[in-house]
Amino acid sequence: MAEKSQNLVGPQIRRLRRAAGMSQNDLAIKLQVKGWDISRGGVSKIESRLRLVNDAEIFLLAAVLGHEIKELFPNRPARIKDVLRQGRD
């Protein structure tokens, strides 16, 4: 059974990071300077869609990558149902 995707933004973060010429470690360090305690491994998990990303984290990712928040989201999200929480609140 495939693991459930935890976010929609991971592939776009990877693409934007690479376009900026940053390693995962570079991105982690820039995020740490902004106050987010994240490691290179944490960045890897986000990019691989294995880690949930909350709204504050998305805000910081966009700022550090130098893009608008909307650019972190795919135009046509695949597997959106895999990411949605299933169950009642």
C-alpha atoms as a PDB file:
ATOM      1  CA  MET A   1       0.000   0.000   0.000  1.00  0.00           C
ATOM      2  CA  ALA A   2       1.379   3.438  -0.979  1.00  0.00           C
ATOM      3  CA  GLU A   3       1.877   6.014   1.733  1.00  0.00           C
ATOM      4  CA  LYS A   4      -0.698   8.775   1.927  1.00  0.00           C
ATOM      5  CA  SER A   5       0.509  12.110   0.563  1.00  0.00           C
ATOM      6  CA  GLN A   6       0.761  14.748   3.281  1.00  0.00           C
ATOM      7  CA  ASN A   7       0.883  17.902   1.138  1.00  0.00           C
ATOM      8  CA  LEU A   8       0.325  19.327  -2.332  1.00  0.00           C
ATOM      9  CA  VAL A   9       3.268  21.732  -2.348  1.00  0.00           C
ATOM     10  CA  GLY A  10       6.267  19.389  -2.145  1.00  0.00           C
ATOM     11  CA  PRO A  11       7.041  19.011  -5.851  1.00  0.00           C
ATOM     12  CA  GLN A  12       6.752  22.762  -6.450  1.00  0.00           C
ATOM     13  CA  ILE A  13       9.029  23.513  -3.504  1.00  0.00           C
ATOM     14  CA  ARG A  14      11.622  21.135  -4.960  1.00  0.00           C
ATOM     15  CA  ARG A  15      11.328  22.762  -8.392  1.00  0.00           C
ATOM     16  CA  LEU A  16      11.603  26.332  -7.034  1.00  0.00           C
ATOM     17  CA  ARG A  17      14.500  25.411  -4.727  1.00  0.00           C
ATOM     18  CA  ARG A  18      16.443  23.844  -7.567  1.00  0.00           C
ATOM     19  CA  ALA A  19      15.689  26.798  -9.860  1.00  0.00           C
ATOM     20  CA  ALA A  20      17.169  29.060  -7.160  1.00  0.00           C
ATOM     21  CA  GLY A  21      20.323  26.917  -7.098  1.00  0.00           C
ATOM     22  CA  MET A  22      19.785  25.883  -3.471  1.00  0.00           C
ATOM     23  CA  SER A  23      20.437  22.528  -1.886  1.00  0.00           C
ATOM     24  CA  GLN A  24      17.985  21.127   0.650  1.00  0.00           C
ATOM     25  CA  ASN A  25      20.486  22.083   3.336  1.00  0.00           C
ATOM     26  CA  ASP A  26      20.682  25.666   2.007  1.00  0.00           C
ATOM     27  CA  LEU A  27      16.897  25.952   2.179  1.00  0.00           C
ATOM     28  CA  ALA A  28      16.803  24.495   5.695  1.00  0.00           C
ATOM     29  CA  ILE A  29      19.401  27.020   6.888  1.00  0.00           C
ATOM     30  CA  LYS A  30      17.476  29.952   5.360  1.00  0.00           C
ATOM     31  CA  LEU A  31      14.285  28.726   7.039  1.00  0.00           C
ATOM     32  CA  GLN A  32      16.109  28.335  10.367  1.00  0.00           C
ATOM     33  CA  VAL A  33      17.270  31.971  10.167  1.00  0.00           C
ATOM     34  CA  LYS A  34      13.582  32.921   9.827  1.00  0.00           C
ATOM     35  CA  GLY A  35      12.761  30.967  13.012  1.00  0.00           C
ATOM     36  CA  TRP A  36      11.660  27.557  11.741  1.00  0.00           C
ATOM     37  CA  ASP A  37      13.475  24.657  13.419  1.00  0.00           C
ATOM     38  CA  ILE A  38      13.756  22.371  10.370  1.00  0.00           C
ATOM     39  CA  SER A  39      16.544  20.137   9.122  1.00  0.00           C
ATOM     40  CA  ARG A  40      17.612  19.080   5.644  1.00  0.00           C
ATOM     41  CA  GLY A  41      15.732  15.853   6.305  1.00  0.00           C
ATOM     42  CA  GLY A  42      12.584  17.831   7.077  1.00  0.00           C
ATOM     43  CA  VAL A  43      12.881  19.674   3.768  1.00  0.00           C
ATOM     44  CA  SER A  44      13.340  16.318   2.037  1.00  0.00           C
ATOM     45  CA  LYS A  45      10.180  14.952   3.653  1.00  0.00           C
ATOM     46  CA  ILE A  46       8.193  18.015   2.546  1.00  0.00           C
ATOM     47  CA  GLU A  47       9.460  17.736  -1.017  1.00  0.00           C
ATOM     48  CA  SER A  48       8.632  14.012  -1.035  1.00  0.00           C
ATOM     49  CA  ARG A  49       5.133  14.799   0.289  1.00  0.00           C
ATOM     50  CA  LEU A  50       5.784  12.731   3.428  1.00  0.00           C
ATOM     51  CA  ARG A  51       5.307  15.659   5.857  1.00  0.00           C
ATOM     52  CA  LEU A  52       2.349  17.934   6.453  1.00  0.00           C
ATOM     53  CA  VAL A  53       3.016  21.649   5.859  1.00  0.00           C
ATOM     54  CA  ASN A  54       0.941  24.160   7.840  1.00  0.00           C
ATOM     55  CA  ASP A  55      -0.036  27.663   6.752  1.00  0.00           C
ATOM     56  CA  ALA A  56       2.771  29.453   8.624  1.00  0.00           C
ATOM     57  CA  GLU A  57       5.324  27.090   7.107  1.00  0.00           C
ATOM     58  CA  ILE A  58       3.943  27.705   3.610  1.00  0.00           C
ATOM     59  CA  PHE A  59       4.237  31.450   4.241  1.00  0.00           C
ATOM     60  CA  LEU A  60       7.922  31.079   5.212  1.00  0.00           C
ATOM     61  CA  LEU A  61       8.692  28.731   2.328  1.00  0.00           C
ATOM     62  CA  ALA A  62       7.282  31.227  -0.173  1.00  0.00           C
ATOM     63  CA  ALA A  63       9.184  34.119   1.408  1.00  0.00           C
ATOM     64  CA  VAL A  64      12.525  32.290   1.507  1.00  0.00           C
ATOM     65  CA  LEU A  65      12.107  30.971  -2.031  1.00  0.00           C
ATOM     66  CA  GLY A  66      11.143  34.467  -3.226  1.00  0.00           C
ATOM     67  CA  HIS A  67       7.786  33.481  -4.704  1.00  0.00           C
ATOM     68  CA  GLU A  68       4.127  34.139  -4.025  1.00  0.00           C
ATOM     69  CA  ILE A  69       2.287  31.550  -1.959  1.00  0.00           C
ATOM     70  CA  LYS A  70       0.103  30.582  -4.913  1.00  0.00           C
ATOM     71  CA  GLU A  71       3.222  29.502  -6.827  1.00  0.00           C
ATOM     72  CA  LEU A  72       3.808  26.755  -4.256  1.00  0.00           C
ATOM     73  CA  PHE A  73       0.569  25.032  -5.262  1.00  0.00           C
ATOM     74  CA  PRO A  74       0.065  23.012  -8.448  1.00  0.00           C
ATOM     75  CA  ASN A  75      -2.366  24.338 -11.050  1.00  0.00           C
ATOM     76  CA  ARG A  76      -4.080  20.969 -11.239  1.00  0.00           C
ATOM     77  CA  PRO A  77      -3.465  19.099  -8.013  1.00  0.00           C
ATOM     78  CA  ALA A  78      -3.193  15.375  -8.551  1.00  0.00           C
ATOM     79  CA  ARG A  79      -4.310  13.043  -5.791  1.00  0.00           C
ATOM     80  CA  ILE A  80      -5.960  15.842  -3.802  1.00  0.00           C
ATOM     81  CA  LYS A  81      -8.249  13.284  -2.162  1.00  0.00           C
ATOM     82  CA  ASP A  82      -5.153  11.509  -0.822  1.00  0.00           C
ATOM     83  CA  VAL A  83      -4.152  14.667   1.015  1.00  0.00           C
ATOM     84  CA  LEU A  84      -7.570  15.594   2.404  1.00  0.00           C
ATOM     85  CA  ARG A  85      -8.218  14.449   5.927  1.00  0.00           C
ATOM     86  CA  GLN A  86     -10.685  11.647   5.980  1.00  0.00           C
ATOM     87  CA  GLY A  87     -13.013  11.655   8.935  1.00  0.00           C
ATOM     88  CA  ARG A  88     -15.058  14.039  10.966  1.00  0.00           C
ATOM     89  CA  ASP A  89     -13.890  17.101  12.819  1.00  0.00           C
END
